[in-house]
Each structure stands twice: as structure tokens, then as C-alpha cells.
Amino acid sequence: MYTSEQGPASGPEKSTSNQPSAGSTPRRIFIDKQSPKAYHALVQTSEAVRAAAADAGLGRRLVELVNLRVSQINGCAYCLRVHTRAAQRAGETTERLGVLSAWRDTELFSPTERAALGLAEATTVPSDAVAQESAYTAARAELTEDQIAAVIWVAITINAFNRVSILSKHPVRADG
């Protein structure tokens, strides 16, 4: 999830041209730049969701784990970079970040984190009804109703940002 100060909207200049140079593939438009009011509404939603998560007692580290796991599933390099840094700022360890995609196979995540990660995965891939029901049952055993709602909203919001970045092909370049 992004704040109004971060995210792709502060990246490359708005271009309405999608015409490729000779012999190249068409450039993507940055839909956040092309439709700034819609993007701003998404940012505002993200800020409301972050507040709801905090009000429900979910820490920033857990929210960032959810953001990262959903971004891993969706293959969003831009969001992975943003939220890895955010997770580190929130105190997340390199060890846990390194095994997040295999969280079920470790003992590094608490029952609350496991419930949230399972629910985030089920929200991201809702077509698997059996996995969704299992994740929801596990979440009910560990999370309050407010926390369940917040985790689902965090997953929905990062899924939206993933699609903005993937479909816009937001660049991820080396720092330098």
C-alpha cells in the first residue's frame, strides 16, 4: 500500500504516447499518471485500510508481510521493492523476508501471522474455494473479526496496486 508521498505516481513523467520506436514493443502508459484522480482515490483507500489495520491491532510489520506475500504471488517487482524496504523499516528481519514465500514450511511466523498470510493468499487467489474456506477457518481461530476484515482489505488494496504497477510496467532500476 502506498502513501501520497510514495509509489509510482512520483516516478516517470506522464506520457500519453504509447507509440513504440521502430522495431520495439509498444510502451505502456503509466495508468497512475494517465488517470491521477483514480490513482489518488486508490491511495486514499490504502491510507484508510492502513488506519483500519492499526485500529484492529495489526502492526505495521504484519501489514507489510501481507503486502509482500500478495506481491510475490502476483509477481509485482515494483511493489516487492517498495514493501521489502517498508518491512525492513518496520523491523522485519532478512531471515523472515527470505523465506516468506515458503512461510508454511518454517517455524518463523506466529499463529497470527500464519492466519493473516493464509487469508491474504486466499484473497489473492479466490478461485480455490477449498483453500479459501480453510484459510478463513484458520483466520477465525486466530484473528478478531476486525483483524480479518483488515487483512482482507490490505490484500485487496495491494492486489490493486500490483495490477497498476504490473500493467503500467513500472520500472525497477538499481539504486545509484
N, C-alpha and C. Protein backbone atom coordinates (compact mmCIF):
# COMPACT_ATOMS: atom_id res chain seq x y z
N MET A 1 0.84 -1.16 0.00
CA MET A 1 0.00 0.00 0.00
C MET A 1 0.89 1.23 0.00
N TYR A 2 0.39 2.27 -0.57
CA TYR A 2 1.19 3.45 -0.76
C TYR A 2 0.62 4.63 -0.02
N THR A 3 1.48 5.60 0.25
CA THR A 3 1.02 6.87 0.75
C THR A 3 1.09 7.86 -0.39
N SER A 4 0.56 9.02 -0.17
CA SER A 4 0.59 10.02 -1.24
C SER A 4 2.00 10.47 -1.55
N GLU A 5 2.96 10.21 -0.66
CA GLU A 5 4.34 10.60 -0.90
C GLU A 5 5.17 9.53 -1.60
N GLN A 6 4.67 8.32 -1.72
CA GLN A 6 5.45 7.27 -2.34
C GLN A 6 4.64 6.60 -3.43
N GLY A 7 5.25 5.72 -4.13
CA GLY A 7 4.51 4.98 -5.15
C GLY A 7 4.87 5.46 -6.54
N PRO A 8 4.39 4.75 -7.51
CA PRO A 8 4.76 5.00 -8.89
C PRO A 8 4.36 6.39 -9.39
N ALA A 9 3.35 7.01 -8.80
CA ALA A 9 2.90 8.30 -9.30
C ALA A 9 4.00 9.35 -9.20
N SER A 10 4.99 9.13 -8.34
CA SER A 10 6.09 10.08 -8.25
C SER A 10 7.23 9.68 -9.18
N GLY A 11 7.02 8.67 -9.99
CA GLY A 11 8.05 8.14 -10.89
C GLY A 11 8.10 8.85 -12.22
N PRO A 12 8.13 8.11 -13.31
CA PRO A 12 8.35 8.67 -14.63
C PRO A 12 7.29 9.71 -15.00
N GLU A 13 7.67 10.63 -15.86
CA GLU A 13 6.76 11.67 -16.31
C GLU A 13 5.59 11.06 -17.06
N LYS A 14 4.44 11.73 -16.95
CA LYS A 14 3.23 11.29 -17.65
C LYS A 14 3.47 11.37 -19.15
N SER A 15 3.11 10.32 -19.83
CA SER A 15 3.21 10.29 -21.27
C SER A 15 1.91 9.73 -21.82
N THR A 16 1.31 10.46 -22.71
CA THR A 16 0.09 9.94 -23.32
C THR A 16 0.41 9.15 -24.58
N SER A 17 1.65 9.19 -24.99
CA SER A 17 2.07 8.46 -26.19
C SER A 17 2.39 7.02 -25.84
N ASN A 18 1.88 6.13 -26.62
CA ASN A 18 2.18 4.72 -26.45
C ASN A 18 2.77 4.18 -27.74
N GLN A 19 3.35 5.07 -28.53
CA GLN A 19 3.90 4.66 -29.82
C GLN A 19 5.33 4.18 -29.65
N PRO A 20 5.63 2.99 -30.11
CA PRO A 20 6.98 2.46 -29.99
C PRO A 20 7.89 3.06 -31.05
N SER A 21 9.17 2.97 -30.77
CA SER A 21 10.12 3.30 -31.83
C SER A 21 10.17 2.11 -32.79
N ALA A 22 10.71 2.32 -33.95
CA ALA A 22 10.75 1.27 -34.96
C ALA A 22 11.40 0.01 -34.39
N GLY A 23 10.73 -1.13 -34.55
CA GLY A 23 11.30 -2.41 -34.16
C GLY A 23 11.16 -2.74 -32.68
N SER A 24 10.49 -1.90 -31.89
CA SER A 24 10.37 -2.20 -30.47
C SER A 24 8.90 -2.50 -30.13
N THR A 25 8.69 -2.96 -28.92
CA THR A 25 7.33 -3.24 -28.47
C THR A 25 6.70 -1.95 -27.96
N PRO A 26 5.38 -1.87 -27.98
CA PRO A 26 4.71 -0.65 -27.51
C PRO A 26 5.04 -0.35 -26.05
N ARG A 27 5.26 0.93 -25.74
CA ARG A 27 5.46 1.33 -24.36
C ARG A 27 4.11 1.29 -23.67
N ARG A 28 4.14 1.00 -22.40
CA ARG A 28 2.92 1.01 -21.61
C ARG A 28 2.68 2.43 -21.10
N ILE A 29 1.44 2.75 -20.89
CA ILE A 29 1.15 4.01 -20.24
C ILE A 29 1.20 3.77 -18.74
N PHE A 30 1.58 4.77 -18.00
CA PHE A 30 1.56 4.70 -16.55
C PHE A 30 0.14 5.12 -16.15
N ILE A 31 -0.70 4.13 -15.86
CA ILE A 31 -2.11 4.44 -15.64
C ILE A 31 -2.31 5.32 -14.42
N ASP A 32 -1.38 5.30 -13.47
CA ASP A 32 -1.47 6.18 -12.32
C ASP A 32 -1.29 7.64 -12.74
N LYS A 33 -0.45 7.87 -13.74
CA LYS A 33 -0.24 9.23 -14.27
C LYS A 33 -1.36 9.61 -15.24
N GLN A 34 -1.82 8.65 -16.00
CA GLN A 34 -2.86 8.91 -17.00
C GLN A 34 -4.19 9.25 -16.35
N SER A 35 -4.47 8.62 -15.22
CA SER A 35 -5.74 8.83 -14.50
C SER A 35 -5.44 9.18 -13.04
N PRO A 36 -4.89 10.35 -12.79
CA PRO A 36 -4.43 10.68 -11.43
C PRO A 36 -5.54 10.71 -10.38
N LYS A 37 -6.75 11.08 -10.76
CA LYS A 37 -7.84 11.10 -9.77
C LYS A 37 -8.16 9.68 -9.30
N ALA A 38 -8.18 8.75 -10.22
CA ALA A 38 -8.44 7.36 -9.84
C ALA A 38 -7.31 6.82 -8.97
N TYR A 39 -6.07 7.14 -9.34
CA TYR A 39 -4.93 6.69 -8.54
C TYR A 39 -4.97 7.30 -7.14
N HIS A 40 -5.30 8.58 -7.06
CA HIS A 40 -5.38 9.25 -5.77
C HIS A 40 -6.44 8.59 -4.90
N ALA A 41 -7.56 8.20 -5.49
CA ALA A 41 -8.61 7.50 -4.74
C ALA A 41 -8.09 6.18 -4.20
N LEU A 42 -7.27 5.48 -4.98
CA LEU A 42 -6.68 4.23 -4.52
C LEU A 42 -5.71 4.49 -3.36
N VAL A 43 -4.93 5.55 -3.46
CA VAL A 43 -4.02 5.92 -2.36
C VAL A 43 -4.82 6.24 -1.10
N GLN A 44 -5.90 6.98 -1.24
CA GLN A 44 -6.74 7.30 -0.08
C GLN A 44 -7.34 6.02 0.53
N THR A 45 -7.75 5.10 -0.31
CA THR A 45 -8.26 3.82 0.19
C THR A 45 -7.17 3.10 0.97
N SER A 46 -5.97 3.10 0.43
CA SER A 46 -4.85 2.46 1.10
C SER A 46 -4.59 3.07 2.47
N GLU A 47 -4.67 4.38 2.56
CA GLU A 47 -4.46 5.06 3.84
C GLU A 47 -5.56 4.69 4.84
N ALA A 48 -6.81 4.60 4.38
CA ALA A 48 -7.91 4.20 5.25
C ALA A 48 -7.74 2.76 5.72
N VAL A 49 -7.29 1.89 4.82
CA VAL A 49 -7.06 0.48 5.16
C VAL A 49 -5.93 0.36 6.18
N ARG A 50 -4.87 1.13 5.99
CA ARG A 50 -3.76 1.10 6.95
C ARG A 50 -4.26 1.52 8.33
N ALA A 51 -5.10 2.55 8.39
CA ALA A 51 -5.65 3.00 9.66
C ALA A 51 -6.55 1.93 10.28
N ALA A 52 -7.37 1.28 9.46
CA ALA A 52 -8.24 0.21 9.96
C ALA A 52 -7.41 -0.94 10.52
N ALA A 53 -6.32 -1.27 9.85
CA ALA A 53 -5.44 -2.35 10.34
C ALA A 53 -4.84 -1.97 11.69
N ALA A 54 -4.38 -0.74 11.81
CA ALA A 54 -3.81 -0.28 13.08
C ALA A 54 -4.89 -0.29 14.17
N ASP A 55 -6.08 0.20 13.84
CA ASP A 55 -7.18 0.21 14.81
C ASP A 55 -7.55 -1.20 15.26
N ALA A 56 -7.38 -2.17 14.38
CA ALA A 56 -7.69 -3.57 14.70
C ALA A 56 -6.56 -4.25 15.47
N GLY A 57 -5.45 -3.53 15.66
CA GLY A 57 -4.34 -4.09 16.41
C GLY A 57 -3.32 -4.84 15.58
N LEU A 58 -3.36 -4.65 14.27
CA LEU A 58 -2.37 -5.28 13.39
C LEU A 58 -1.19 -4.33 13.23
N GLY A 59 -0.01 -4.81 13.54
CA GLY A 59 1.19 -3.99 13.45
C GLY A 59 1.64 -3.78 12.01
N ARG A 60 2.48 -2.79 11.84
CA ARG A 60 2.98 -2.46 10.51
C ARG A 60 3.77 -3.62 9.90
N ARG A 61 4.53 -4.35 10.73
CA ARG A 61 5.29 -5.50 10.21
C ARG A 61 4.36 -6.52 9.57
N LEU A 62 3.25 -6.83 10.22
CA LEU A 62 2.31 -7.81 9.68
C LEU A 62 1.67 -7.29 8.40
N VAL A 63 1.30 -6.03 8.38
CA VAL A 63 0.73 -5.44 7.17
C VAL A 63 1.72 -5.55 6.01
N GLU A 64 2.98 -5.29 6.28
CA GLU A 64 3.99 -5.38 5.21
C GLU A 64 4.24 -6.82 4.79
N LEU A 65 4.14 -7.77 5.71
CA LEU A 65 4.25 -9.18 5.31
C LEU A 65 3.12 -9.55 4.35
N VAL A 66 1.92 -9.09 4.64
CA VAL A 66 0.79 -9.34 3.75
C VAL A 66 1.04 -8.68 2.40
N ASN A 67 1.47 -7.43 2.40
CA ASN A 67 1.77 -6.74 1.14
C ASN A 67 2.81 -7.50 0.32
N LEU A 68 3.83 -7.98 0.99
CA LEU A 68 4.89 -8.71 0.29
C LEU A 68 4.41 -10.06 -0.23
N ARG A 69 3.67 -10.79 0.57
CA ARG A 69 3.22 -12.12 0.12
C ARG A 69 2.30 -12.01 -1.08
N VAL A 70 1.38 -11.06 -1.05
CA VAL A 70 0.49 -10.85 -2.19
C VAL A 70 1.30 -10.43 -3.42
N SER A 71 2.26 -9.55 -3.23
CA SER A 71 3.10 -9.10 -4.35
C SER A 71 3.95 -10.23 -4.91
N GLN A 72 4.38 -11.16 -4.05
CA GLN A 72 5.10 -12.35 -4.53
C GLN A 72 4.20 -13.19 -5.42
N ILE A 73 2.99 -13.44 -4.96
CA ILE A 73 2.05 -14.25 -5.74
C ILE A 73 1.78 -13.62 -7.09
N ASN A 74 1.61 -12.30 -7.10
CA ASN A 74 1.29 -11.59 -8.34
C ASN A 74 2.52 -11.29 -9.21
N GLY A 75 3.70 -11.46 -8.66
CA GLY A 75 4.91 -11.20 -9.42
C GLY A 75 5.13 -9.72 -9.70
N CYS A 76 4.83 -8.87 -8.74
CA CYS A 76 4.98 -7.43 -8.94
C CYS A 76 6.32 -6.95 -8.38
N ALA A 77 7.28 -6.80 -9.26
CA ALA A 77 8.63 -6.40 -8.84
C ALA A 77 8.63 -5.03 -8.16
N TYR A 78 7.89 -4.09 -8.72
CA TYR A 78 7.87 -2.74 -8.15
C TYR A 78 7.35 -2.77 -6.71
N CYS A 79 6.24 -3.44 -6.47
CA CYS A 79 5.67 -3.50 -5.13
C CYS A 79 6.54 -4.32 -4.18
N LEU A 80 7.18 -5.35 -4.70
CA LEU A 80 8.10 -6.12 -3.86
C LEU A 80 9.23 -5.23 -3.35
N ARG A 81 9.75 -4.39 -4.21
CA ARG A 81 10.83 -3.50 -3.79
C ARG A 81 10.33 -2.50 -2.74
N VAL A 82 9.21 -1.86 -3.02
CA VAL A 82 8.66 -0.87 -2.10
C VAL A 82 8.38 -1.49 -0.73
N HIS A 83 7.74 -2.65 -0.72
CA HIS A 83 7.30 -3.22 0.55
C HIS A 83 8.38 -4.01 1.27
N THR A 84 9.42 -4.46 0.57
CA THR A 84 10.57 -5.02 1.27
C THR A 84 11.23 -3.94 2.10
N ARG A 85 11.41 -2.78 1.50
CA ARG A 85 12.02 -1.66 2.23
C ARG A 85 11.13 -1.22 3.40
N ALA A 86 9.83 -1.17 3.18
CA ALA A 86 8.90 -0.78 4.25
C ALA A 86 8.94 -1.80 5.38
N ALA A 87 8.99 -3.08 5.04
CA ALA A 87 9.05 -4.13 6.06
C ALA A 87 10.34 -4.01 6.88
N GLN A 88 11.43 -3.75 6.21
CA GLN A 88 12.70 -3.58 6.92
C GLN A 88 12.65 -2.38 7.85
N ARG A 89 12.06 -1.28 7.38
CA ARG A 89 11.91 -0.09 8.25
C ARG A 89 11.03 -0.40 9.45
N ALA A 90 10.07 -1.31 9.27
CA ALA A 90 9.18 -1.70 10.37
C ALA A 90 9.82 -2.74 11.29
N GLY A 91 11.05 -3.14 11.01
CA GLY A 91 11.77 -4.06 11.88
C GLY A 91 11.78 -5.50 11.44
N GLU A 92 11.30 -5.78 10.23
CA GLU A 92 11.30 -7.16 9.74
C GLU A 92 12.73 -7.62 9.47
N THR A 93 12.98 -8.91 9.71
CA THR A 93 14.33 -9.45 9.56
C THR A 93 14.56 -9.98 8.14
N THR A 94 15.80 -9.98 7.75
CA THR A 94 16.19 -10.53 6.46
C THR A 94 15.86 -12.02 6.40
N GLU A 95 16.04 -12.71 7.50
CA GLU A 95 15.76 -14.15 7.55
C GLU A 95 14.30 -14.43 7.20
N ARG A 96 13.38 -13.73 7.85
CA ARG A 96 11.96 -13.96 7.59
C ARG A 96 11.56 -13.49 6.20
N LEU A 97 12.12 -12.39 5.75
CA LEU A 97 11.81 -11.92 4.40
C LEU A 97 12.27 -12.95 3.36
N GLY A 98 13.41 -13.57 3.63
CA GLY A 98 13.96 -14.53 2.69
C GLY A 98 13.15 -15.80 2.54
N VAL A 99 12.38 -16.14 3.56
CA VAL A 99 11.60 -17.39 3.50
C VAL A 99 10.09 -17.13 3.42
N LEU A 100 9.70 -15.89 3.22
CA LEU A 100 8.28 -15.56 3.24
C LEU A 100 7.48 -16.39 2.24
N SER A 101 8.02 -16.63 1.06
CA SER A 101 7.26 -17.39 0.06
C SER A 101 7.04 -18.85 0.50
N ALA A 102 7.81 -19.32 1.46
CA ALA A 102 7.67 -20.68 1.99
C ALA A 102 7.29 -20.64 3.47
N TRP A 103 6.50 -19.66 3.87
CA TRP A 103 6.18 -19.45 5.29
C TRP A 103 5.58 -20.68 5.95
N ARG A 104 4.84 -21.48 5.23
CA ARG A 104 4.21 -22.68 5.81
C ARG A 104 5.25 -23.72 6.25
N ASP A 105 6.42 -23.68 5.62
CA ASP A 105 7.45 -24.68 5.87
C ASP A 105 8.46 -24.26 6.93
N THR A 106 8.18 -23.17 7.63
CA THR A 106 9.09 -22.68 8.67
C THR A 106 8.36 -22.58 10.00
N GLU A 107 9.14 -22.35 11.03
CA GLU A 107 8.59 -22.06 12.36
C GLU A 107 8.83 -20.60 12.72
N LEU A 108 9.09 -19.77 11.72
CA LEU A 108 9.47 -18.39 11.96
C LEU A 108 8.30 -17.42 12.09
N PHE A 109 7.09 -17.87 11.79
CA PHE A 109 5.94 -16.98 11.80
C PHE A 109 4.95 -17.41 12.87
N SER A 110 4.42 -16.44 13.58
CA SER A 110 3.48 -16.70 14.67
C SER A 110 2.15 -17.22 14.12
N PRO A 111 1.33 -17.81 14.99
CA PRO A 111 0.00 -18.24 14.54
C PRO A 111 -0.83 -17.09 13.95
N THR A 112 -0.73 -15.91 14.50
CA THR A 112 -1.44 -14.74 13.96
C THR A 112 -0.94 -14.40 12.56
N GLU A 113 0.37 -14.39 12.39
CA GLU A 113 0.95 -14.10 11.08
C GLU A 113 0.56 -15.17 10.07
N ARG A 114 0.58 -16.42 10.48
CA ARG A 114 0.22 -17.51 9.59
C ARG A 114 -1.24 -17.38 9.14
N ALA A 115 -2.11 -17.05 10.08
CA ALA A 115 -3.52 -16.87 9.74
C ALA A 115 -3.69 -15.72 8.75
N ALA A 116 -2.99 -14.63 8.98
CA ALA A 116 -3.08 -13.47 8.09
C ALA A 116 -2.52 -13.79 6.71
N LEU A 117 -1.39 -14.47 6.66
CA LEU A 117 -0.79 -14.82 5.36
C LEU A 117 -1.69 -15.77 4.57
N GLY A 118 -2.25 -16.76 5.25
CA GLY A 118 -3.17 -17.67 4.56
C GLY A 118 -4.39 -16.95 4.02
N LEU A 119 -4.94 -16.05 4.81
CA LEU A 119 -6.10 -15.28 4.38
C LEU A 119 -5.75 -14.35 3.22
N ALA A 120 -4.57 -13.76 3.25
CA ALA A 120 -4.13 -12.90 2.15
C ALA A 120 -3.97 -13.70 0.87
N GLU A 121 -3.42 -14.90 0.97
CA GLU A 121 -3.29 -15.76 -0.21
C GLU A 121 -4.66 -16.13 -0.77
N ALA A 122 -5.59 -16.46 0.12
CA ALA A 122 -6.95 -16.83 -0.33
C ALA A 122 -7.66 -15.64 -0.97
N THR A 123 -7.38 -14.45 -0.51
CA THR A 123 -7.97 -13.25 -1.10
C THR A 123 -7.37 -12.99 -2.47
N THR A 124 -6.11 -13.30 -2.63
CA THR A 124 -5.41 -13.05 -3.90
C THR A 124 -5.78 -14.07 -4.96
N VAL A 125 -6.03 -15.31 -4.55
CA VAL A 125 -6.41 -16.38 -5.48
C VAL A 125 -7.77 -16.93 -5.02
N PRO A 126 -8.84 -16.17 -5.23
CA PRO A 126 -10.13 -16.57 -4.67
C PRO A 126 -10.81 -17.74 -5.38
N SER A 127 -10.28 -18.16 -6.51
CA SER A 127 -10.93 -19.24 -7.25
C SER A 127 -10.77 -20.61 -6.58
N ASP A 128 -9.84 -20.75 -5.64
CA ASP A 128 -9.66 -22.01 -4.92
C ASP A 128 -10.54 -21.98 -3.68
N ALA A 129 -11.78 -22.44 -3.83
CA ALA A 129 -12.78 -22.36 -2.75
C ALA A 129 -12.38 -23.17 -1.53
N VAL A 130 -11.74 -24.31 -1.73
CA VAL A 130 -11.34 -25.15 -0.61
C VAL A 130 -10.25 -24.44 0.21
N ALA A 131 -9.24 -23.91 -0.47
CA ALA A 131 -8.18 -23.18 0.22
C ALA A 131 -8.74 -21.94 0.90
N GLN A 132 -9.67 -21.27 0.25
CA GLN A 132 -10.27 -20.07 0.83
C GLN A 132 -11.00 -20.41 2.12
N GLU A 133 -11.78 -21.48 2.11
CA GLU A 133 -12.52 -21.88 3.32
C GLU A 133 -11.56 -22.28 4.43
N SER A 134 -10.52 -23.01 4.09
CA SER A 134 -9.52 -23.41 5.07
C SER A 134 -8.82 -22.19 5.68
N ALA A 135 -8.44 -21.25 4.85
CA ALA A 135 -7.77 -20.03 5.33
C ALA A 135 -8.69 -19.22 6.23
N TYR A 136 -9.94 -19.12 5.84
CA TYR A 136 -10.90 -18.36 6.62
C TYR A 136 -11.12 -19.02 7.99
N THR A 137 -11.21 -20.33 8.01
CA THR A 137 -11.38 -21.06 9.27
C THR A 137 -10.17 -20.84 10.18
N ALA A 138 -8.98 -20.92 9.62
CA ALA A 138 -7.76 -20.67 10.40
C ALA A 138 -7.73 -19.23 10.92
N ALA A 139 -8.15 -18.30 10.09
CA ALA A 139 -8.16 -16.90 10.50
C ALA A 139 -9.15 -16.68 11.65
N ARG A 140 -10.31 -17.31 11.59
CA ARG A 140 -11.31 -17.16 12.66
C ARG A 140 -10.77 -17.66 14.00
N ALA A 141 -9.87 -18.63 13.95
CA ALA A 141 -9.30 -19.17 15.19
C ALA A 141 -8.25 -18.26 15.80
N GLU A 142 -7.65 -17.39 15.01
CA GLU A 142 -6.53 -16.56 15.49
C GLU A 142 -6.80 -15.07 15.51
N LEU A 143 -7.71 -14.60 14.67
CA LEU A 143 -7.90 -13.16 14.48
C LEU A 143 -9.30 -12.74 14.90
N THR A 144 -9.42 -11.49 15.32
CA THR A 144 -10.75 -10.94 15.60
C THR A 144 -11.44 -10.64 14.26
N GLU A 145 -12.72 -10.37 14.32
CA GLU A 145 -13.44 -10.02 13.09
C GLU A 145 -12.87 -8.74 12.47
N ASP A 146 -12.50 -7.77 13.30
CA ASP A 146 -11.89 -6.54 12.78
C ASP A 146 -10.56 -6.84 12.11
N GLN A 147 -9.78 -7.74 12.68
CA GLN A 147 -8.49 -8.11 12.08
C GLN A 147 -8.68 -8.87 10.77
N ILE A 148 -9.67 -9.76 10.73
CA ILE A 148 -9.96 -10.48 9.49
C ILE A 148 -10.32 -9.49 8.39
N ALA A 149 -11.21 -8.58 8.71
CA ALA A 149 -11.62 -7.58 7.72
C ALA A 149 -10.42 -6.74 7.27
N ALA A 150 -9.57 -6.35 8.21
CA ALA A 150 -8.41 -5.53 7.87
C ALA A 150 -7.44 -6.29 6.97
N VAL A 151 -7.16 -7.55 7.29
CA VAL A 151 -6.24 -8.35 6.46
C VAL A 151 -6.80 -8.48 5.04
N ILE A 152 -8.09 -8.75 4.92
CA ILE A 152 -8.69 -8.87 3.60
C ILE A 152 -8.59 -7.55 2.84
N TRP A 153 -8.85 -6.43 3.53
CA TRP A 153 -8.73 -5.13 2.87
C TRP A 153 -7.28 -4.81 2.47
N VAL A 154 -6.32 -5.17 3.31
CA VAL A 154 -4.91 -4.97 2.95
C VAL A 154 -4.60 -5.77 1.69
N ALA A 155 -5.05 -7.02 1.64
CA ALA A 155 -4.79 -7.86 0.47
C ALA A 155 -5.49 -7.31 -0.78
N ILE A 156 -6.73 -6.87 -0.63
CA ILE A 156 -7.44 -6.30 -1.78
C ILE A 156 -6.70 -5.07 -2.30
N THR A 157 -6.27 -4.22 -1.39
CA THR A 157 -5.62 -2.97 -1.79
C THR A 157 -4.28 -3.22 -2.47
N ILE A 158 -3.45 -4.10 -1.91
CA ILE A 158 -2.16 -4.36 -2.55
C ILE A 158 -2.35 -5.08 -3.87
N ASN A 159 -3.38 -5.92 -3.97
CA ASN A 159 -3.69 -6.54 -5.27
C ASN A 159 -3.96 -5.46 -6.31
N ALA A 160 -4.71 -4.43 -5.93
CA ALA A 160 -4.99 -3.33 -6.87
C ALA A 160 -3.70 -2.61 -7.26
N PHE A 161 -2.86 -2.29 -6.28
CA PHE A 161 -1.60 -1.62 -6.60
C PHE A 161 -0.71 -2.51 -7.46
N ASN A 162 -0.71 -3.81 -7.20
CA ASN A 162 0.07 -4.74 -8.03
C ASN A 162 -0.36 -4.63 -9.48
N ARG A 163 -1.66 -4.59 -9.71
CA ARG A 163 -2.14 -4.52 -11.09
C ARG A 163 -1.79 -3.20 -11.75
N VAL A 164 -1.85 -2.12 -10.99
CA VAL A 164 -1.44 -0.81 -11.54
C VAL A 164 0.02 -0.89 -11.98
N SER A 165 0.88 -1.40 -11.12
CA SER A 165 2.31 -1.44 -11.44
C SER A 165 2.65 -2.46 -12.52
N ILE A 166 2.04 -3.62 -12.48
CA ILE A 166 2.32 -4.65 -13.50
C ILE A 166 1.84 -4.19 -14.87
N LEU A 167 0.62 -3.69 -14.94
CA LEU A 167 0.08 -3.29 -16.24
C LEU A 167 0.72 -2.02 -16.77
N SER A 168 1.28 -1.19 -15.89
CA SER A 168 2.00 0.00 -16.33
C SER A 168 3.47 -0.29 -16.61
N LYS A 169 3.91 -1.47 -16.17
CA LYS A 169 5.33 -1.84 -16.26
C LYS A 169 6.20 -0.80 -15.58
N HIS A 170 5.85 -0.46 -14.33
CA HIS A 170 6.67 0.48 -13.58
C HIS A 170 8.08 -0.10 -13.45
N PRO A 171 9.07 0.71 -13.76
CA PRO A 171 10.44 0.20 -13.77
C PRO A 171 11.00 0.01 -12.36
N VAL A 172 11.86 -0.98 -12.24
CA VAL A 172 12.63 -1.20 -11.03
C VAL A 172 14.09 -1.18 -11.47
N ARG A 173 14.75 -0.11 -11.08
CA ARG A 173 16.15 0.09 -11.50
C ARG A 173 17.07 0.02 -10.28
N ALA A 174 18.33 -0.24 -10.55
CA ALA A 174 19.32 -0.28 -9.48
C ALA A 174 19.46 1.12 -8.88
N ASP A 175 19.64 1.15 -7.57
CA ASP A 175 19.91 2.43 -6.91
C ASP A 175 21.26 2.93 -7.38
N GLY A 176 21.37 4.21 -7.49
CA GLY A 176 22.68 4.66 -7.92
C GLY A 176 22.87 6.07 -8.00
